[in-house]
Protein backbone atom coordinates (compact mmCIF):
# COMPACT_ATOMS: atom_id res chain seq x y z
CA MET A 1 36.56 -5.78 0.36
CA THR A 2 34.29 -5.47 3.43
CA VAL A 3 30.30 -4.59 2.44
CA ASN A 4 28.88 -1.34 3.92
CA LYS A 5 25.41 -3.15 5.07
CA PRO A 6 24.14 0.22 6.22
CA ALA A 7 24.86 1.68 2.72
CA LEU A 8 23.17 -1.54 1.00
CA ALA A 9 20.16 -1.14 3.37
CA TYR A 10 19.42 2.35 2.57
CA GLY A 11 19.83 1.91 -1.31
CA ALA A 12 17.55 -1.23 -0.94
CA LEU A 13 15.05 1.30 0.81
CA LEU A 14 15.39 3.97 -1.61
CA LEU A 15 15.03 1.67 -4.41
CA ALA A 16 11.95 0.01 -2.80
CA MET A 17 10.42 3.60 -2.32
CA LEU A 18 10.84 4.24 -6.52
CA ILE A 19 9.22 0.99 -7.09
CA SER A 20 6.66 2.02 -5.01
CA SER A 21 5.99 5.42 -6.59
CA GLY A 22 6.30 3.65 -9.82
CA ASN A 23 3.31 1.73 -8.79
CA PHE A 24 1.34 4.94 -9.15
CA LEU A 25 2.36 6.12 -12.35
CA PHE A 26 2.19 2.43 -14.07
CA GLY A 27 -1.10 1.60 -12.29
CA ASN A 28 -2.58 4.89 -13.73
CA LEU A 29 -1.48 3.84 -16.99
CA ALA A 30 -2.82 0.03 -16.76
CA VAL A 31 -6.44 1.30 -15.28
CA ASN A 32 -7.10 3.02 -18.27
CA GLU A 33 -7.70 -0.10 -20.06
CA VAL A 34 -8.40 -3.01 -17.53
CA ASP A 35 -10.45 -3.04 -14.42
CA PRO A 36 -8.88 -2.31 -11.19
CA VAL A 37 -10.13 -5.94 -10.09
CA VAL A 38 -8.18 -7.39 -12.70
CA LEU A 39 -5.02 -5.36 -12.11
CA THR A 40 -5.22 -6.35 -8.45
CA PHE A 41 -5.53 -10.02 -9.78
CA TRP A 42 -2.61 -10.07 -12.17
CA ARG A 43 -0.38 -8.44 -8.98
CA CYS A 44 -1.37 -10.95 -6.84
CA LEU A 45 -0.83 -13.97 -9.41
CA ILE A 46 2.77 -12.67 -10.48
CA ALA A 47 3.45 -12.29 -6.66
CA ALA A 48 2.46 -15.96 -6.14
CA ILE A 49 4.72 -17.17 -8.96
CA PHE A 50 7.58 -15.45 -7.94
CA VAL A 51 7.31 -16.72 -4.57
CA LEU A 52 6.29 -20.63 -5.83
CA PRO A 53 9.78 -21.77 -5.89
CA LEU A 54 10.09 -21.59 -2.42
CA VAL A 55 7.11 -23.72 -1.61
CA MET A 56 7.37 -26.32 -4.24
CA LYS A 57 8.55 -29.18 -1.44
CA ARG A 58 6.24 -28.18 1.25
CA GLN A 59 3.05 -28.41 0.10
CA ASN A 60 1.90 -30.59 2.75
CA LYS A 61 3.12 -28.24 5.51
CA LEU A 62 0.94 -25.32 3.56
CA ILE A 63 -1.96 -27.39 3.70
CA ARG A 64 -1.73 -27.90 7.37
CA HIS A 65 -0.94 -24.44 7.57
CA PHE A 66 -3.96 -23.29 5.90
CA GLN A 67 -6.07 -25.94 7.67
CA SER A 68 -4.96 -24.74 11.17
CA SER A 69 -5.63 -20.71 10.30
CA TRP A 70 -7.95 -21.01 7.30
CA LEU A 71 -10.30 -18.27 8.48
CA ARG A 72 -7.39 -15.72 9.59
CA LEU A 73 -5.58 -16.10 6.32
CA THR A 74 -8.68 -15.53 4.21
CA THR A 75 -9.51 -12.73 5.92
CA LEU A 76 -5.83 -11.34 5.82
CA ALA A 77 -6.16 -12.50 1.92
CA CYS A 78 -8.87 -10.33 1.63
CA ILE A 79 -7.92 -7.30 3.32
CA GLY A 80 -4.24 -7.42 2.47
CA VAL A 81 -3.92 -8.65 -1.06
CA VAL A 82 -7.31 -7.94 -2.43
CA ALA A 83 -8.81 -5.01 -0.78
CA THR A 84 -5.76 -2.80 -0.19
CA PRO A 85 -4.74 -2.53 -3.87
CA TRP A 86 -8.14 -2.75 -5.61
CA PHE A 87 -8.67 0.55 -3.66
CA VAL A 88 -5.45 2.02 -4.77
CA TYR A 89 -6.11 1.02 -8.24
CA SER A 90 -9.62 2.36 -8.23
CA ALA A 91 -8.25 5.63 -6.73
CA LEU A 92 -5.96 5.89 -9.95
CA ARG A 93 -8.27 6.08 -12.17
CA SER A 94 -8.02 9.68 -11.56
CA ASN A 95 -5.10 11.76 -12.98
CA ASP A 96 -4.56 13.50 -9.42
CA LEU A 97 -1.59 11.32 -8.84
CA ILE A 98 0.01 14.05 -6.47
CA ASP A 99 -3.22 14.11 -4.24
CA LEU A 100 -2.99 10.30 -4.10
CA GLY A 101 0.69 10.37 -3.33
CA ALA A 102 0.04 12.33 -0.20
CA GLY A 103 -2.53 10.29 1.05
CA TYR A 104 -0.39 7.30 1.12
CA THR A 105 1.54 8.94 4.13
CA SER A 106 -1.75 7.99 6.20
CA VAL A 107 -0.87 4.65 6.44
CA PRO A 108 1.12 4.90 10.15
CA LEU A 109 -1.72 7.00 11.33
CA LEU A 110 -4.61 4.58 10.49
CA THR A 111 -2.52 1.65 12.02
CA ILE A 112 -2.15 3.34 15.45
CA LEU A 113 -5.89 4.27 15.20
CA PHE A 114 -6.63 0.45 14.45
CA SER A 115 -4.15 -0.62 17.28
CA ALA A 116 -5.99 1.37 19.89
CA LEU A 117 -9.45 -0.11 18.62
CA LEU A 118 -8.38 -3.56 18.34
CA ILE A 119 -5.88 -4.54 20.75
CA GLY A 120 -6.23 -1.60 23.42
CA GLU A 121 -3.07 0.58 22.98
CA ARG A 122 -3.73 3.63 24.54
CA LEU A 123 -3.17 7.01 22.58
CA GLN A 124 -0.97 9.42 24.37
CA SER A 125 -2.24 13.22 24.01
CA VAL A 126 0.15 14.18 21.43
CA GLN A 127 -0.74 11.72 19.40
CA TYR A 128 -4.59 13.20 19.25
CA LEU A 129 -2.68 16.31 18.59
CA GLY A 130 -1.21 14.41 15.42
CA VAL A 131 -4.25 12.88 14.38
CA ALA A 132 -6.21 16.20 14.42
CA ILE A 133 -3.16 17.91 12.14
CA ALA A 134 -3.37 15.20 9.99
CA LEU A 135 -6.95 14.69 9.68
CA ALA A 136 -6.74 18.66 8.66
CA GLY A 137 -4.35 17.95 6.12
CA ALA A 138 -6.62 15.23 5.04
CA LEU A 139 -9.73 17.47 4.68
CA VAL A 140 -7.59 20.05 2.28
CA PHE A 141 -7.23 17.19 0.00
CA VAL A 142 -10.62 15.73 0.29
CA PHE A 143 -12.29 19.27 -0.80
CA ARG A 144 -9.35 19.98 -2.90
CA GLY A 145 -8.47 23.54 -0.87
CA GLU A 146 -11.81 25.07 -1.76
CA PHE A 147 -14.17 25.89 0.94
CA SER A 148 -17.16 25.90 -1.79
CA ASN A 149 -16.51 22.25 -2.08
CA LEU A 150 -16.69 21.76 1.70
CA ILE A 151 -20.32 23.68 1.70
CA ASN A 152 -21.69 21.88 -1.33
CA PHE A 153 -19.90 18.59 0.09
CA ASP A 154 -18.35 17.80 -3.34
CA PRO A 155 -15.34 15.30 -2.01
CA HIS A 156 -12.46 14.02 -3.93
CA LEU A 157 -13.54 10.55 -4.28
CA ALA A 158 -10.16 9.20 -5.51
CA PHE A 159 -8.22 10.53 -2.37
CA LEU A 160 -10.95 8.88 -0.14
CA LEU A 161 -10.23 5.44 -2.22
CA MET A 162 -6.85 6.08 -1.43
CA ILE A 163 -7.93 6.63 2.64
CA ALA A 164 -9.82 3.76 2.50
CA SER A 165 -6.65 1.34 1.15
CA ASN A 166 -4.76 2.81 3.66
CA ALA A 167 -7.02 2.05 6.27
CA CYS A 168 -7.14 -1.99 5.03
CA ARG A 169 -3.37 -1.99 5.15
CA GLY A 170 -3.27 -0.81 8.59
CA LEU A 171 -5.87 -3.03 9.71
CA TYR A 172 -3.95 -5.76 8.01
CA LEU A 173 -0.93 -4.98 9.91
CA VAL A 174 -2.71 -4.77 13.40
CA LEU A 175 -4.19 -7.99 12.73
CA LEU A 176 -0.76 -9.59 12.20
CA LYS A 177 0.21 -8.38 15.57
CA LYS A 178 -3.27 -9.36 17.27
CA TRP A 179 -3.11 -12.91 16.08
CA ASN A 180 0.71 -13.31 16.42
CA MET A 181 1.22 -14.21 12.62
CA GLN A 182 4.09 -13.29 10.64
CA PRO A 183 3.64 -14.57 7.41
CA LYS A 184 6.95 -15.88 5.80
CA PRO A 185 7.15 -16.43 1.87
CA ASP A 186 7.58 -20.29 1.81
CA GLU A 187 4.40 -20.53 4.46
CA GLY A 188 1.73 -18.08 5.12
CA LEU A 189 2.34 -15.33 2.57
CA PHE A 190 2.28 -17.82 -0.40
CA VAL A 191 -1.20 -19.23 1.40
CA ILE A 192 -2.25 -15.55 1.27
CA PHE A 193 -1.49 -14.96 -2.23
CA VAL A 194 -3.38 -18.19 -3.64
CA VAL A 195 -6.36 -17.29 -1.21
CA GLY A 196 -6.61 -13.93 -2.91
CA ILE A 197 -6.09 -15.09 -6.20
CA ALA A 198 -9.14 -17.59 -5.54
CA VAL A 199 -11.46 -14.61 -4.06
CA LEU A 200 -10.37 -12.68 -7.52
CA LEU A 201 -10.76 -15.09 -10.00
CA PRO A 202 -14.39 -15.32 -10.41
CA PHE A 203 -14.68 -11.37 -11.05
CA VAL A 204 -11.62 -11.08 -13.43
CA LEU A 205 -13.64 -14.04 -15.34
CA PHE A 206 -16.70 -12.24 -15.16
CA LEU A 207 -15.24 -8.85 -16.23
CA GLU A 208 -12.97 -9.97 -19.11
CA ALA A 209 -16.00 -12.11 -20.42
CA GLY A 210 -17.58 -8.81 -21.12
CA THR A 211 -15.00 -7.41 -23.21
CA SER A 212 -14.46 -7.92 -26.98
CA ARG A 213 -11.19 -9.28 -26.46
CA PRO A 214 -10.48 -10.99 -22.92
CA PHE A 215 -6.97 -10.80 -21.74
CA VAL A 216 -5.68 -8.98 -24.92
CA TYR A 217 -4.10 -5.94 -23.65
CA SER A 218 -1.49 -3.27 -25.12
CA TRP A 219 1.90 -3.75 -24.85
CA GLN A 220 2.09 -0.58 -22.64
CA VAL A 221 -0.46 -2.16 -19.95
CA TRP A 222 1.49 -5.60 -20.13
CA GLY A 223 4.60 -3.97 -19.37
CA SER A 224 2.61 -1.68 -16.41
CA ILE A 225 1.12 -5.39 -15.32
CA LEU A 226 4.55 -6.81 -15.38
CA PHE A 227 6.17 -3.68 -13.34
CA ILE A 228 3.51 -3.81 -10.68
CA GLY A 229 3.31 -7.60 -10.31
CA VAL A 230 7.30 -8.18 -10.17
CA GLY A 231 7.96 -5.06 -8.45
CA MET A 232 5.24 -4.83 -5.97
CA GLY A 233 4.36 -8.33 -5.50
CA ALA A 234 8.23 -9.57 -5.26
CA ILE A 235 11.11 -7.30 -5.28
CA TYR A 236 9.62 -4.30 -3.20
CA LEU A 237 9.03 -6.78 -0.05
CA HIS A 238 12.22 -8.23 -0.24
CA LEU A 239 14.10 -5.01 -0.57
CA LEU A 240 12.16 -3.68 2.46
CA ASN A 241 12.53 -6.63 4.45
CA PHE A 242 16.28 -6.28 3.89
CA GLY A 243 16.54 -2.85 4.91
CA THR A 244 14.65 -3.11 7.83
CA ASN A 245 16.30 -5.89 9.20
CA VAL A 246 19.79 -3.73 8.87
CA VAL A 247 18.61 -0.06 9.88
CA GLY A 248 15.33 -1.09 12.12
CA ALA A 249 12.00 -0.69 11.55
CA SER A 250 11.67 2.87 12.83
CA THR A 251 14.17 4.40 10.61
CA ALA A 252 12.90 2.30 7.46
CA SER A 253 9.51 3.51 7.87
CA LEU A 254 10.75 7.27 7.55
CA PHE A 255 11.45 6.41 3.81
CA ALA A 256 7.48 6.11 3.45
CA TYR A 257 7.74 9.61 3.40
CA LEU A 258 9.58 10.15 0.32
CA VAL A 259 6.86 8.30 -1.84
CA PRO A 260 4.64 11.42 -1.87
CA VAL A 261 7.86 13.48 -3.13
CA LEU A 262 8.76 10.76 -5.76
CA VAL A 263 5.11 10.67 -6.96
CA ALA A 264 4.68 14.38 -7.20
CA VAL A 265 8.21 14.73 -9.20
CA GLU A 266 6.97 11.69 -11.72
CA ALA A 267 3.52 13.67 -12.08
CA VAL A 268 5.05 17.04 -12.81
CA THR A 269 7.88 15.58 -14.99
CA LEU A 270 6.17 12.77 -16.88
CA LYS A 271 2.55 13.77 -16.98
CA GLY A 272 2.71 17.17 -17.01
CA ILE A 273 0.77 17.91 -13.85
CA ASP A 274 0.90 21.58 -12.32
CA LEU A 275 1.84 21.71 -8.52
CA GLN A 276 -1.27 23.35 -6.66
CA PHE A 277 -0.84 25.50 -3.47
CA TYR A 278 -3.47 23.50 -1.52
CA GLN A 279 -1.34 20.39 -2.09
CA GLY A 280 1.53 21.95 -0.50
CA VAL A 281 -0.68 22.90 2.38
CA GLY A 282 -2.29 19.73 2.69
CA GLY A 283 0.70 17.51 2.12
CA VAL A 284 2.42 19.46 5.10
CA LEU A 285 0.03 18.74 7.40
CA ILE A 286 -0.62 14.90 6.87
CA ILE A 287 3.13 14.35 7.08
CA GLY A 288 3.50 16.78 10.07
CA GLY A 289 0.91 15.24 11.74
CA VAL A 290 1.74 11.70 11.28
CA LEU A 291 5.20 12.48 12.46
CA VAL A 292 3.75 13.82 15.50
CA ALA A 293 1.63 10.74 16.05
CA THR A 294 4.39 8.39 15.38
CA ARG A 295 7.31 9.86 16.27
CA LEU A 296 7.26 11.76 19.31
CA HIS A 297 6.78 9.20 21.81
CA LEU A 298 7.42 5.45 22.37
CA ARG A 299 5.45 3.11 20.32
CA PRO A 300 4.40 -0.09 20.08
CA ASN A 301 6.27 -2.23 17.38
CA ALA A 302 3.34 -2.78 15.24
CA VAL A 303 2.90 0.82 14.54
CA ASP A 304 6.63 0.79 13.85
CA HIS A 305 6.48 -1.36 10.37
CA PRO A 306 6.45 0.56 7.19
CA PRO A 307 3.25 0.06 5.01
CA HIS A 308 3.74 -2.83 2.73
């Protein structure tokens, strides 16, 4: 029996996007009870535990790897596994999941902007057009489609936090290229997780010490933590890597545009949130602008990577 690898790859990518959209739903549930810093810590810790079996016999190599690139690995950890999810879970304290799902699609756009700033990649005219279109869509969400919110400068803070998370993710991807680093699970990625845990742990202990029952959560929150840690910290990356290796980064990155659709479906069906007209307009502008900026020209490989 022959294995249809492209079909498996598409299935893997679709499952990865379902996990990514579930991150919004379960993250929103968990941050009602635990601080975003604590949730980020558990996600990082569970991810490290899943990678641990791959590094059990390579401790000396890991130490040498950290010693040779400690500053860059620490920077990547603070940006990639600390700041990026922390901004997401801070945003998810809001119930505006549809808005936040739409904001998720700005990662490729921010990546090409950081590529231009940090590694000197020149933007083409069509990219500037795409940036302008996506910016217009983002402004629709920032002010919830209300001109009065713009006049009174009453922005949608949760949406801005999601954009901040995407900026961190884009910066992380560009720094990987600038420093020519490709962290493998049994080397750099595990070190990045460990550094992230070390950075987060003091804040987690301080926050939990201020609660009446430290580290005691409801079963719904523990379930959400397990989904986020196992799903986003372990399974998601493996599915994404497998799918990307088979069908290519360009095709795989298109699957990211399913996330806001899946988030919207989950928000409407499971949380009873109503779709608003401005969300349709803003979503079309953002996705359209990103597609114009990242698809209508030949792009460098770093921008081609789907968001983690």
